[in-house]
Amino acid sequence: MKNKLQLNWKKVLIFLFCSGGLIILTGSFWMSLGFMLLLFAIDGVLANWEQRRKTKKFFEELKKSQEEKDDADHVHD
């Protein structure tokens, strides 16, 4: 079975390092856990936004090239 969860381990390590620093600073495991979950949520939202932006740009370019092709075909008719 293929693993569908794609994790960027560098981000995970950075998040863990930040959470560990918070544990040292605040002495609260729960605050650190909340901070880590918040970082993962923000990262997910940003990744989703970036993917939608790239997809929209791709389809706009595809539509533009198709319109240019159609225009070129009508000129030769």
PDB file of N, CA and C in Angstrom:
ATOM      1  N   MET A   1       0.847  -1.178   0.000  1.00  0.00           N
ATOM      2  CA  MET A   1       0.000   0.000   0.000  1.00  0.00           C
ATOM      3  C   MET A   1       0.890   1.239   0.000  1.00  0.00           C
ATOM      4  N   LYS A   2       0.596   2.151  -0.898  1.00  0.00           N
ATOM      5  CA  LYS A   2       1.404   3.364  -1.036  1.00  0.00           C
ATOM      6  C   LYS A   2       1.012   4.386   0.033  1.00  0.00           C
ATOM      7  N   ASN A   3       2.018   5.019   0.619  1.00  0.00           N
ATOM      8  CA  ASN A   3       1.774   6.046   1.625  1.00  0.00           C
ATOM      9  C   ASN A   3       1.300   7.317   0.927  1.00  0.00           C
ATOM     10  N   LYS A   4       0.088   7.772   1.239  1.00  0.00           N
ATOM     11  CA  LYS A   4      -0.474   8.954   0.599  1.00  0.00           C
ATOM     12  C   LYS A   4      -0.087  10.243   1.310  1.00  0.00           C
ATOM     13  N   LEU A   5       0.403  10.141   2.524  1.00  0.00           N
ATOM     14  CA  LEU A   5       0.777  11.314   3.295  1.00  0.00           C
ATOM     15  C   LEU A   5       2.180  11.753   2.899  1.00  0.00           C
ATOM     16  N   GLN A   6       2.282  12.935   2.325  1.00  0.00           N
ATOM     17  CA  GLN A   6       3.569  13.472   1.904  1.00  0.00           C
ATOM     18  C   GLN A   6       4.013  14.521   2.918  1.00  0.00           C
ATOM     19  N   LEU A   7       5.066  14.220   3.657  1.00  0.00           N
ATOM     20  CA  LEU A   7       5.578  15.160   4.648  1.00  0.00           C
ATOM     21  C   LEU A   7       6.921  15.708   4.201  1.00  0.00           C
ATOM     22  N   ASN A   8       7.104  16.981   4.415  1.00  0.00           N
ATOM     23  CA  ASN A   8       8.397  17.599   4.200  1.00  0.00           C
ATOM     24  C   ASN A   8       9.122  17.510   5.547  1.00  0.00           C
ATOM     25  N   TRP A   9      10.075  16.615   5.633  1.00  0.00           N
ATOM     26  CA  TRP A   9      10.707  16.339   6.918  1.00  0.00           C
ATOM     27  C   TRP A   9      11.515  17.522   7.434  1.00  0.00           C
ATOM     28  N   LYS A  10      11.991  18.378   6.546  1.00  0.00           N
ATOM     29  CA  LYS A  10      12.688  19.583   7.004  1.00  0.00           C
ATOM     30  C   LYS A  10      11.740  20.492   7.772  1.00  0.00           C
ATOM     31  N   LYS A  11      10.513  20.651   7.252  1.00  0.00           N
ATOM     32  CA  LYS A  11       9.518  21.468   7.949  1.00  0.00           C
ATOM     33  C   LYS A  11       9.142  20.845   9.283  1.00  0.00           C
ATOM     34  N   VAL A  12       9.005  19.531   9.295  1.00  0.00           N
ATOM     35  CA  VAL A  12       8.655  18.842  10.541  1.00  0.00           C
ATOM     36  C   VAL A  12       9.732  19.091  11.589  1.00  0.00           C
ATOM     37  N   LEU A  13      10.993  18.988  11.195  1.00  0.00           N
ATOM     38  CA  LEU A  13      12.081  19.222  12.136  1.00  0.00           C
ATOM     39  C   LEU A  13      12.111  20.668  12.621  1.00  0.00           C
ATOM     40  N   ILE A  14      11.846  21.603  11.719  1.00  0.00           N
ATOM     41  CA  ILE A  14      11.794  23.012  12.133  1.00  0.00           C
ATOM     42  C   ILE A  14      10.652  23.234  13.107  1.00  0.00           C
ATOM     43  N   PHE A  15       9.476  22.663  12.818  1.00  0.00           N
ATOM     44  CA  PHE A  15       8.340  22.803  13.718  1.00  0.00           C
ATOM     45  C   PHE A  15       8.640  22.183  15.082  1.00  0.00           C
ATOM     46  N   LEU A  16       9.286  21.016  15.082  1.00  0.00           N
ATOM     47  CA  LEU A  16       9.634  20.368  16.346  1.00  0.00           C
ATOM     48  C   LEU A  16      10.650  21.198  17.133  1.00  0.00           C
ATOM     49  N   PHE A  17      11.605  21.778  16.418  1.00  0.00           N
ATOM     50  CA  PHE A  17      12.596  22.630  17.071  1.00  0.00           C
ATOM     51  C   PHE A  17      11.913  23.848  17.707  1.00  0.00           C
ATOM     52  N   CYS A  18      10.987  24.462  16.966  1.00  0.00           N
ATOM     53  CA  CYS A  18      10.244  25.607  17.521  1.00  0.00           C
ATOM     54  C   CYS A  18       9.417  25.185  18.735  1.00  0.00           C
ATOM     55  N   SER A  19       8.775  24.035  18.641  1.00  0.00           N
ATOM     56  CA  SER A  19       7.969  23.549  19.760  1.00  0.00           C
ATOM     57  C   SER A  19       8.844  23.232  20.962  1.00  0.00           C
ATOM     58  N   GLY A  20      10.007  22.626  20.715  1.00  0.00           N
ATOM     59  CA  GLY A  20      10.942  22.356  21.808  1.00  0.00           C
ATOM     60  C   GLY A  20      11.408  23.638  22.475  1.00  0.00           C
ATOM     61  N   GLY A  21      11.679  24.647  21.671  1.00  0.00           N
ATOM     62  CA  GLY A  21      12.050  25.949  22.228  1.00  0.00           C
ATOM     63  C   GLY A  21      10.935  26.537  23.069  1.00  0.00           C
ATOM     64  N   LEU A  22       9.693  26.366  22.637  1.00  0.00           N
ATOM     65  CA  LEU A  22       8.565  26.864  23.420  1.00  0.00           C
ATOM     66  C   LEU A  22       8.426  26.116  24.736  1.00  0.00           C
ATOM     67  N   ILE A  23       8.676  24.814  24.709  1.00  0.00           N
ATOM     68  CA  ILE A  23       8.611  24.041  25.961  1.00  0.00           C
ATOM     69  C   ILE A  23       9.626  24.592  26.945  1.00  0.00           C
ATOM     70  N   ILE A  24      10.823  24.890  26.458  1.00  0.00           N
ATOM     71  CA  ILE A  24      11.866  25.436  27.332  1.00  0.00           C
ATOM     72  C   ILE A  24      11.468  26.823  27.839  1.00  0.00           C
ATOM     73  N   LEU A  25      10.942  27.667  26.940  1.00  0.00           N
ATOM     74  CA  LEU A  25      10.591  29.035  27.331  1.00  0.00           C
ATOM     75  C   LEU A  25       9.374  29.110  28.244  1.00  0.00           C
ATOM     76  N   THR A  26       8.336  28.340  27.935  1.00  0.00           N
ATOM     77  CA  THR A  26       7.088  28.456  28.693  1.00  0.00           C
ATOM     78  C   THR A  26       6.906  27.355  29.728  1.00  0.00           C
ATOM     79  N   GLY A  27       7.564  26.229  29.532  1.00  0.00           N
ATOM     80  CA  GLY A  27       7.384  25.105  30.448  1.00  0.00           C
ATOM     81  C   GLY A  27       6.066  24.382  30.219  1.00  0.00           C
ATOM     82  N   SER A  28       5.401  24.657  29.095  1.00  0.00           N
ATOM     83  CA  SER A  28       4.095  24.072  28.841  1.00  0.00           C
ATOM     84  C   SER A  28       4.137  23.200  27.585  1.00  0.00           C
ATOM     85  N   PHE A  29       3.954  21.909  27.771  1.00  0.00           N
ATOM     86  CA  PHE A  29       3.891  20.988  26.640  1.00  0.00           C
ATOM     87  C   PHE A  29       2.683  21.289  25.776  1.00  0.00           C
ATOM     88  N   TRP A  30       1.550  21.595  26.377  1.00  0.00           N
ATOM     89  CA  TRP A  30       0.307  21.805  25.636  1.00  0.00           C
ATOM     90  C   TRP A  30       0.377  23.049  24.753  1.00  0.00           C
ATOM     91  N   MET A  31       1.029  24.088  25.242  1.00  0.00           N
ATOM     92  CA  MET A  31       1.186  25.284  24.418  1.00  0.00           C
ATOM     93  C   MET A  31       2.082  24.968  23.222  1.00  0.00           C
ATOM     94  N   SER A  32       3.122  24.194  23.467  1.00  0.00           N
ATOM     95  CA  SER A  32       4.021  23.805  22.399  1.00  0.00           C
ATOM     96  C   SER A  32       3.286  22.950  21.368  1.00  0.00           C
ATOM     97  N   LEU A  33       2.472  22.018  21.825  1.00  0.00           N
ATOM     98  CA  LEU A  33       1.693  21.173  20.916  1.00  0.00           C
ATOM     99  C   LEU A  33       0.721  22.012  20.102  1.00  0.00           C
ATOM    100  N   GLY A  34       0.067  22.962  20.741  1.00  0.00           N
ATOM    101  CA  GLY A  34      -0.850  23.862  20.036  1.00  0.00           C
ATOM    102  C   GLY A  34      -0.132  24.681  18.987  1.00  0.00           C
ATOM    103  N   PHE A  35       1.042  25.163  19.312  1.00  0.00           N
ATOM    104  CA  PHE A  35       1.832  25.944  18.362  1.00  0.00           C
ATOM    105  C   PHE A  35       2.211  25.088  17.159  1.00  0.00           C
ATOM    106  N   MET A  36       2.608  23.862  17.405  1.00  0.00           N
ATOM    107  CA  MET A  36       2.989  22.971  16.313  1.00  0.00           C
ATOM    108  C   MET A  36       1.788  22.674  15.413  1.00  0.00           C
ATOM    109  N   LEU A  37       0.634  22.423  16.002  1.00  0.00           N
ATOM    110  CA  LEU A  37      -0.566  22.173  15.204  1.00  0.00           C
ATOM    111  C   LEU A  37      -0.957  23.408  14.391  1.00  0.00           C
ATOM    112  N   LEU A  38      -0.790  24.573  14.995  1.00  0.00           N
ATOM    113  CA  LEU A  38      -1.072  25.816  14.287  1.00  0.00           C
ATOM    114  C   LEU A  38      -0.127  25.993  13.097  1.00  0.00           C
ATOM    115  N   LEU A  39       1.148  25.676  13.285  1.00  0.00           N
ATOM    116  CA  LEU A  39       2.106  25.759  12.181  1.00  0.00           C
ATOM    117  C   LEU A  39       1.746  24.797  11.050  1.00  0.00           C
ATOM    118  N   PHE A  40       1.353  23.580  11.393  1.00  0.00           N
ATOM    119  CA  PHE A  40       0.952  22.614  10.370  1.00  0.00           C
ATOM    120  C   PHE A  40      -0.298  23.089   9.628  1.00  0.00           C
ATOM    121  N   ALA A  41      -1.252  23.672  10.348  1.00  0.00           N
ATOM    122  CA  ALA A  41      -2.471  24.167   9.702  1.00  0.00           C
ATOM    123  C   ALA A  41      -2.150  25.314   8.739  1.00  0.00           C
ATOM    124  N   ILE A  42      -1.327  26.252   9.178  1.00  0.00           N
ATOM    125  CA  ILE A  42      -0.941  27.370   8.315  1.00  0.00           C
ATOM    126  C   ILE A  42      -0.189  26.864   7.100  1.00  0.00           C
ATOM    127  N   ASP A  43       0.708  25.918   7.301  1.00  0.00           N
ATOM    128  CA  ASP A  43       1.464  25.346   6.191  1.00  0.00           C
ATOM    129  C   ASP A  43       0.528  24.678   5.187  1.00  0.00           C
ATOM    130  N   GLY A  44      -0.462  23.961   5.670  1.00  0.00           N
ATOM    131  CA  GLY A  44      -1.424  23.302   4.784  1.00  0.00           C
ATOM    132  C   GLY A  44      -2.246  24.297   3.981  1.00  0.00           C
ATOM    133  N   VAL A  45      -2.677  25.368   4.632  1.00  0.00           N
ATOM    134  CA  VAL A  45      -3.456  26.397   3.942  1.00  0.00           C
ATOM    135  C   VAL A  45      -2.607  27.071   2.869  1.00  0.00           C
ATOM    136  N   LEU A  46      -1.362  27.397   3.197  1.00  0.00           N
ATOM    137  CA  LEU A  46      -0.476  28.034   2.221  1.00  0.00           C
ATOM    138  C   LEU A  46      -0.162  27.102   1.048  1.00  0.00           C
ATOM    139  N   ALA A  47       0.047  25.829   1.335  1.00  0.00           N
ATOM    140  CA  ALA A  47       0.317  24.865   0.261  1.00  0.00           C
ATOM    141  C   ALA A  47      -0.899  24.729  -0.658  1.00  0.00           C
ATOM    142  N   ASN A  48      -2.090  24.717  -0.080  1.00  0.00           N
ATOM    143  CA  ASN A  48      -3.320  24.623  -0.862  1.00  0.00           C
ATOM    144  C   ASN A  48      -3.485  25.865  -1.736  1.00  0.00           C
ATOM    145  N   TRP A  49      -3.239  27.041  -1.172  1.00  0.00           N
ATOM    146  CA  TRP A  49      -3.343  28.291  -1.921  1.00  0.00           C
ATOM    147  C   TRP A  49      -2.355  28.307  -3.081  1.00  0.00           C
ATOM    148  N   GLU A  50      -1.111  27.877  -2.831  1.00  0.00           N
ATOM    149  CA  GLU A  50      -0.095  27.860  -3.873  1.00  0.00           C
ATOM    150  C   GLU A  50      -0.474  26.888  -4.997  1.00  0.00           C
ATOM    151  N   GLN A  51      -1.000  25.732  -4.650  1.00  0.00           N
ATOM    152  CA  GLN A  51      -1.413  24.745  -5.651  1.00  0.00           C
ATOM    153  C   GLN A  51      -2.550  25.277  -6.512  1.00  0.00           C
ATOM    154  N   ARG A  52      -3.534  25.929  -5.889  1.00  0.00           N
ATOM    155  CA  ARG A  52      -4.639  26.510  -6.651  1.00  0.00           C
ATOM    156  C   ARG A  52      -4.144  27.602  -7.584  1.00  0.00           C
ATOM    157  N   ARG A  53      -3.208  28.424  -7.115  1.00  0.00           N
ATOM    158  CA  ARG A  53      -2.654  29.506  -7.923  1.00  0.00           C
ATOM    159  C   ARG A  53      -1.916  28.942  -9.141  1.00  0.00           C
ATOM    160  N   LYS A  54      -1.111  27.905  -8.929  1.00  0.00           N
ATOM    161  CA  LYS A  54      -0.374  27.286 -10.038  1.00  0.00           C
ATOM    162  C   LYS A  54      -1.331  26.638 -11.035  1.00  0.00           C
ATOM    163  N   THR A  55      -2.368  25.980 -10.537  1.00  0.00           N
ATOM    164  CA  THR A  55      -3.337  25.321 -11.406  1.00  0.00           C
ATOM    165  C   THR A  55      -4.092  26.359 -12.232  1.00  0.00           C
ATOM    166  N   LYS A  56      -4.501  27.449 -11.599  1.00  0.00           N
ATOM    167  CA  LYS A  56      -5.215  28.514 -12.309  1.00  0.00           C
ATOM    168  C   LYS A  56      -4.332  29.115 -13.396  1.00  0.00           C
ATOM    169  N   LYS A  57      -3.071  29.365 -13.074  1.00  0.00           N
ATOM    170  CA  LYS A  57      -2.145  29.933 -14.054  1.00  0.00           C
ATOM    171  C   LYS A  57      -1.945  28.975 -15.224  1.00  0.00           C
ATOM    172  N   PHE A  58      -1.808  27.684 -14.933  1.00  0.00           N
ATOM    173  CA  PHE A  58      -1.625  26.680 -15.984  1.00  0.00           C
ATOM    174  C   PHE A  58      -2.814  26.676 -16.939  1.00  0.00           C
ATOM    175  N   PHE A  59      -4.045  26.672 -16.398  1.00  0.00           N
ATOM    176  CA  PHE A  59      -5.221  26.621 -17.250  1.00  0.00           C
ATOM    177  C   PHE A  59      -5.428  27.929 -18.014  1.00  0.00           C
ATOM    178  N   GLU A  60      -5.036  29.068 -17.423  1.00  0.00           N
ATOM    179  CA  GLU A  60      -5.116  30.328 -18.153  1.00  0.00           C
ATOM    180  C   GLU A  60      -4.168  30.323 -19.348  1.00  0.00           C
ATOM    181  N   GLU A  61      -2.946  29.812 -19.144  1.00  0.00           N
ATOM    182  CA  GLU A  61      -1.984  29.724 -20.248  1.00  0.00           C
ATOM    183  C   GLU A  61      -2.468  28.743 -21.317  1.00  0.00           C
ATOM    184  N   LEU A  62      -3.056  27.635 -20.882  1.00  0.00           N
ATOM    185  CA  LEU A  62      -3.587  26.652 -21.819  1.00  0.00           C
ATOM    186  C   LEU A  62      -4.725  27.257 -22.638  1.00  0.00           C
ATOM    187  N   LYS A  63      -5.611  27.994 -21.981  1.00  0.00           N
ATOM    188  CA  LYS A  63      -6.730  28.638 -22.663  1.00  0.00           C
ATOM    189  C   LYS A  63      -6.218  29.683 -23.649  1.00  0.00           C
ATOM    190  N   LYS A  64      -5.218  30.447 -23.241  1.00  0.00           N
ATOM    191  CA  LYS A  64      -4.656  31.477 -24.109  1.00  0.00           C
ATOM    192  C   LYS A  64      -4.021  30.845 -25.353  1.00  0.00           C
ATOM    193  N   SER A  65      -3.266  29.781 -25.174  1.00  0.00           N
ATOM    194  CA  SER A  65      -2.629  29.122 -26.321  1.00  0.00           C
ATOM    195  C   SER A  65      -3.678  28.505 -27.243  1.00  0.00           C
ATOM    196  N   GLN A  66      -4.750  27.975 -26.670  1.00  0.00           N
ATOM    197  CA  GLN A  66      -5.829  27.398 -27.481  1.00  0.00           C
ATOM    198  C   GLN A  66      -6.536  28.490 -28.280  1.00  0.00           C
ATOM    199  N   GLU A  67      -6.768  29.659 -27.645  1.00  0.00           N
ATOM    200  CA  GLU A  67      -7.404  30.767 -28.360  1.00  0.00           C
ATOM    201  C   GLU A  67      -6.512  31.264 -29.491  1.00  0.00           C
ATOM    202  N   GLU A  68      -5.195  31.334 -29.247  1.00  0.00           N
ATOM    203  CA  GLU A  68      -4.274  31.755 -30.293  1.00  0.00           C
ATOM    204  C   GLU A  68      -4.268  30.758 -31.447  1.00  0.00           C
ATOM    205  N   LYS A  69      -4.351  29.492 -31.124  1.00  0.00           N
ATOM    206  CA  LYS A  69      -4.394  28.452 -32.168  1.00  0.00           C
ATOM    207  C   LYS A  69      -5.686  28.571 -32.970  1.00  0.00           C
ATOM    208  N   ASP A  70      -6.802  28.786 -32.272  1.00  0.00           N
ATOM    209  CA  ASP A  70      -8.087  28.939 -32.956  1.00  0.00           C
ATOM    210  C   ASP A  70      -8.058  30.167 -33.861  1.00  0.00           C
ATOM    211  N   ASP A  71      -7.493  31.271 -33.390  1.00  0.00           N
ATOM    212  CA  ASP A  71      -7.397  32.490 -34.195  1.00  0.00           C
ATOM    213  C   ASP A  71      -6.549  32.250 -35.437  1.00  0.00           C
ATOM    214  N   ALA A  72      -5.451  31.532 -35.280  1.00  0.00           N
ATOM    215  CA  ALA A  72      -4.579  31.224 -36.403  1.00  0.00           C
ATOM    216  C   ALA A  72      -5.299  30.317 -37.410  1.00  0.00           C
ATOM    217  N   ASP A  73      -6.098  29.386 -36.933  1.00  0.00           N
ATOM    218  CA  ASP A  73      -6.849  28.491 -37.817  1.00  0.00           C
ATOM    219  C   ASP A  73      -7.904  29.261 -38.613  1.00  0.00           C
ATOM    220  N   HIS A  74      -8.547  30.256 -37.984  1.00  0.00           N
ATOM    221  CA  HIS A  74      -9.582  31.036 -38.666  1.00  0.00           C
ATOM    222  C   HIS A  74      -8.985  31.964 -39.708  1.00  0.00           C
ATOM    223  N   VAL A  75      -7.772  32.410 -39.487  1.00  0.00           N
ATOM    224  CA  VAL A  75      -7.111  33.288 -40.460  1.00  0.00           C
ATOM    225  C   VAL A  75      -6.809  32.526 -41.731  1.00  0.00           C
ATOM    226  N   HIS A  76      -6.416  31.242 -41.601  1.00  0.00           N
ATOM    227  CA  HIS A  76      -6.048  30.436 -42.758  1.00  0.00           C
ATOM    228  C   HIS A  76      -7.261  29.862 -43.498  1.00  0.00           C
ATOM    229  N   ASP A  77      -8.448  29.982 -42.940  1.00  0.00           N
ATOM    230  CA  ASP A  77      -9.649  29.418 -43.582  1.00  0.00           C
ATOM    231  C   ASP A  77     -10.106  30.236 -44.746  1.00  0.00           C
TER     232      ASP A  77
END
